[in-house]
Amino acid sequence: MQVRVEGIEAPVILRGDAQGNYDLSAGELGSGRLTLTGGQGLIPGLSGRLALTPLPSWTARVSCR
């Protein structure tokens, strides 16, 4: 999937591997990897690692309820 985000010159590209893993690329802003994890019912959890410029690398764990 490729989308344009206001304020970011390069397109944001999300590529999945059909196994719940997604690579994220946002040009000069940075990149990352997101993974669907076990959640509750039909709603999966989401974890990932992003390396954003000029921000340091950080890990996010998100769950939807």
N, C-alpha and C. Protein backbone atom coordinates (compact mmCIF):
# COMPACT_ATOMS: atom_id res chain seq x y z
N MET A 1 0.84 -1.14 0.00
CA MET A 1 0.00 0.00 0.00
C MET A 1 0.90 1.23 0.00
N GLN A 2 0.55 2.21 -0.77
CA GLN A 2 1.30 3.46 -0.81
C GLN A 2 0.33 4.60 -0.61
N VAL A 3 0.65 5.50 0.32
CA VAL A 3 -0.21 6.65 0.58
C VAL A 3 0.62 7.92 0.64
N ARG A 4 -0.02 9.01 0.41
CA ARG A 4 0.61 10.32 0.57
C ARG A 4 0.12 10.91 1.89
N VAL A 5 1.07 11.40 2.69
CA VAL A 5 0.74 11.99 3.98
C VAL A 5 1.11 13.47 3.91
N GLU A 6 0.17 14.34 4.24
CA GLU A 6 0.42 15.76 4.21
C GLU A 6 1.60 16.11 5.11
N GLY A 7 2.54 16.88 4.59
CA GLY A 7 3.71 17.27 5.36
C GLY A 7 4.91 16.37 5.15
N ILE A 8 4.74 15.23 4.46
CA ILE A 8 5.85 14.32 4.16
C ILE A 8 5.97 14.25 2.65
N GLU A 9 7.16 14.63 2.14
CA GLU A 9 7.34 14.67 0.68
C GLU A 9 7.27 13.30 0.03
N ALA A 10 7.96 12.32 0.61
CA ALA A 10 7.99 10.98 0.03
C ALA A 10 6.71 10.22 0.39
N PRO A 11 6.26 9.32 -0.47
CA PRO A 11 5.10 8.51 -0.10
C PRO A 11 5.44 7.56 1.05
N VAL A 12 4.44 7.25 1.85
CA VAL A 12 4.59 6.26 2.92
C VAL A 12 4.19 4.91 2.32
N ILE A 13 5.09 3.94 2.36
CA ILE A 13 4.86 2.63 1.74
C ILE A 13 4.81 1.56 2.82
N LEU A 14 3.77 0.75 2.79
CA LEU A 14 3.59 -0.35 3.73
C LEU A 14 3.53 -1.64 2.93
N ARG A 15 4.46 -2.58 3.20
CA ARG A 15 4.51 -3.85 2.48
C ARG A 15 4.35 -4.99 3.47
N GLY A 16 3.39 -5.88 3.20
CA GLY A 16 3.16 -7.04 4.06
C GLY A 16 3.72 -8.31 3.45
N ASP A 17 4.00 -9.29 4.33
CA ASP A 17 4.54 -10.56 3.85
C ASP A 17 3.53 -11.71 3.96
N ALA A 18 2.28 -11.40 4.20
CA ALA A 18 1.20 -12.40 4.32
C ALA A 18 1.36 -13.29 5.55
N GLN A 19 2.24 -12.90 6.48
CA GLN A 19 2.42 -13.64 7.73
C GLN A 19 2.27 -12.73 8.95
N GLY A 20 1.69 -11.54 8.74
CA GLY A 20 1.47 -10.61 9.84
C GLY A 20 2.60 -9.63 10.07
N ASN A 21 3.58 -9.57 9.16
CA ASN A 21 4.71 -8.64 9.29
C ASN A 21 4.61 -7.59 8.20
N TYR A 22 4.91 -6.35 8.55
CA TYR A 22 4.81 -5.24 7.60
C TYR A 22 6.04 -4.37 7.70
N ASP A 23 6.65 -4.04 6.56
CA ASP A 23 7.76 -3.10 6.49
C ASP A 23 7.18 -1.75 6.11
N LEU A 24 7.61 -0.71 6.81
CA LEU A 24 7.14 0.64 6.60
C LEU A 24 8.30 1.49 6.11
N SER A 25 8.09 2.24 5.05
CA SER A 25 9.12 3.14 4.52
C SER A 25 8.50 4.51 4.32
N ALA A 26 9.17 5.53 4.86
CA ALA A 26 8.66 6.90 4.72
C ALA A 26 9.76 7.83 4.22
N GLY A 27 10.57 7.34 3.28
CA GLY A 27 11.62 8.16 2.67
C GLY A 27 12.60 8.67 3.70
N GLU A 28 12.90 9.98 3.64
CA GLU A 28 13.87 10.59 4.54
C GLU A 28 13.42 10.56 6.00
N LEU A 29 12.13 10.44 6.24
CA LEU A 29 11.62 10.42 7.61
C LEU A 29 12.06 9.16 8.35
N GLY A 30 12.18 8.04 7.64
CA GLY A 30 12.66 6.82 8.27
C GLY A 30 11.90 5.58 7.82
N SER A 31 12.04 4.51 8.62
CA SER A 31 11.44 3.23 8.27
C SER A 31 11.15 2.45 9.54
N GLY A 32 10.50 1.32 9.38
CA GLY A 32 10.20 0.50 10.53
C GLY A 32 9.61 -0.83 10.14
N ARG A 33 9.27 -1.61 11.15
CA ARG A 33 8.66 -2.93 10.95
C ARG A 33 7.55 -3.08 11.97
N LEU A 34 6.38 -3.46 11.51
CA LEU A 34 5.22 -3.68 12.36
C LEU A 34 4.82 -5.14 12.28
N THR A 35 4.34 -5.69 13.39
CA THR A 35 3.94 -7.09 13.43
C THR A 35 2.61 -7.23 14.15
N LEU A 36 1.68 -7.96 13.54
CA LEU A 36 0.42 -8.27 14.20
C LEU A 36 0.68 -9.36 15.22
N THR A 37 0.14 -9.20 16.41
CA THR A 37 0.32 -10.18 17.48
C THR A 37 -1.03 -10.66 17.97
N GLY A 38 -1.04 -11.67 18.82
CA GLY A 38 -2.29 -12.17 19.37
C GLY A 38 -3.03 -11.07 20.13
N GLY A 39 -4.30 -11.00 19.95
CA GLY A 39 -5.11 -9.98 20.62
C GLY A 39 -6.30 -10.63 21.28
N GLN A 40 -7.36 -9.87 21.40
CA GLN A 40 -8.59 -10.38 22.00
C GLN A 40 -9.63 -10.54 20.90
N GLY A 41 -10.20 -11.72 20.82
CA GLY A 41 -11.23 -11.98 19.81
C GLY A 41 -10.67 -11.82 18.40
N LEU A 42 -11.36 -11.05 17.58
CA LEU A 42 -10.96 -10.85 16.20
C LEU A 42 -10.03 -9.66 16.01
N ILE A 43 -9.69 -8.95 17.10
CA ILE A 43 -8.86 -7.76 17.00
C ILE A 43 -7.43 -8.10 17.41
N PRO A 44 -6.48 -8.05 16.46
CA PRO A 44 -5.10 -8.39 16.80
C PRO A 44 -4.40 -7.25 17.52
N GLY A 45 -3.32 -7.58 18.23
CA GLY A 45 -2.46 -6.57 18.79
C GLY A 45 -1.47 -6.14 17.73
N LEU A 46 -0.72 -5.08 17.99
CA LEU A 46 0.25 -4.57 17.04
C LEU A 46 1.50 -4.17 17.80
N SER A 47 2.65 -4.66 17.35
CA SER A 47 3.91 -4.22 17.95
C SER A 47 4.83 -3.83 16.81
N GLY A 48 5.84 -3.03 17.13
CA GLY A 48 6.72 -2.62 16.05
C GLY A 48 7.93 -1.86 16.53
N ARG A 49 8.79 -1.58 15.58
CA ARG A 49 9.99 -0.79 15.83
C ARG A 49 10.12 0.21 14.68
N LEU A 50 10.31 1.47 15.04
CA LEU A 50 10.43 2.53 14.06
C LEU A 50 11.74 3.27 14.25
N ALA A 51 12.38 3.64 13.16
CA ALA A 51 13.58 4.47 13.19
C ALA A 51 13.25 5.73 12.42
N LEU A 52 12.94 6.81 13.12
CA LEU A 52 12.53 8.06 12.49
C LEU A 52 13.64 9.09 12.60
N THR A 53 13.83 9.86 11.54
CA THR A 53 14.83 10.91 11.52
C THR A 53 14.14 12.23 11.77
N PRO A 54 14.56 13.05 12.66
CA PRO A 54 15.76 13.00 13.48
C PRO A 54 15.54 12.35 14.84
N LEU A 55 14.46 11.61 15.01
CA LEU A 55 14.17 10.97 16.29
C LEU A 55 14.95 9.68 16.44
N PRO A 56 15.33 9.31 17.67
CA PRO A 56 16.00 8.03 17.87
C PRO A 56 15.04 6.87 17.67
N SER A 57 15.57 5.70 17.51
CA SER A 57 14.77 4.48 17.34
C SER A 57 13.97 4.21 18.60
N TRP A 58 12.71 3.78 18.47
CA TRP A 58 11.88 3.45 19.63
C TRP A 58 10.94 2.32 19.29
N THR A 59 10.47 1.65 20.32
CA THR A 59 9.58 0.52 20.15
C THR A 59 8.19 0.91 20.64
N ALA A 60 7.17 0.55 19.86
CA ALA A 60 5.80 0.86 20.25
C ALA A 60 5.00 -0.44 20.34
N ARG A 61 4.16 -0.55 21.35
CA ARG A 61 3.27 -1.68 21.46
C ARG A 61 1.87 -1.11 21.60
N VAL A 62 1.01 -1.47 20.66
CA VAL A 62 -0.33 -0.92 20.60
C VAL A 62 -1.33 -2.05 20.64
N SER A 63 -2.41 -1.88 21.37
CA SER A 63 -3.47 -2.86 21.32
C SER A 63 -4.80 -2.12 21.14
N CYS A 64 -5.68 -2.70 20.38
CA CYS A 64 -7.00 -2.11 20.13
C CYS A 64 -8.03 -2.91 20.93
N ARG A 65 -8.92 -2.22 21.57
CA ARG A 65 -9.97 -2.89 22.33
C ARG A 65 -11.31 -2.33 21.99
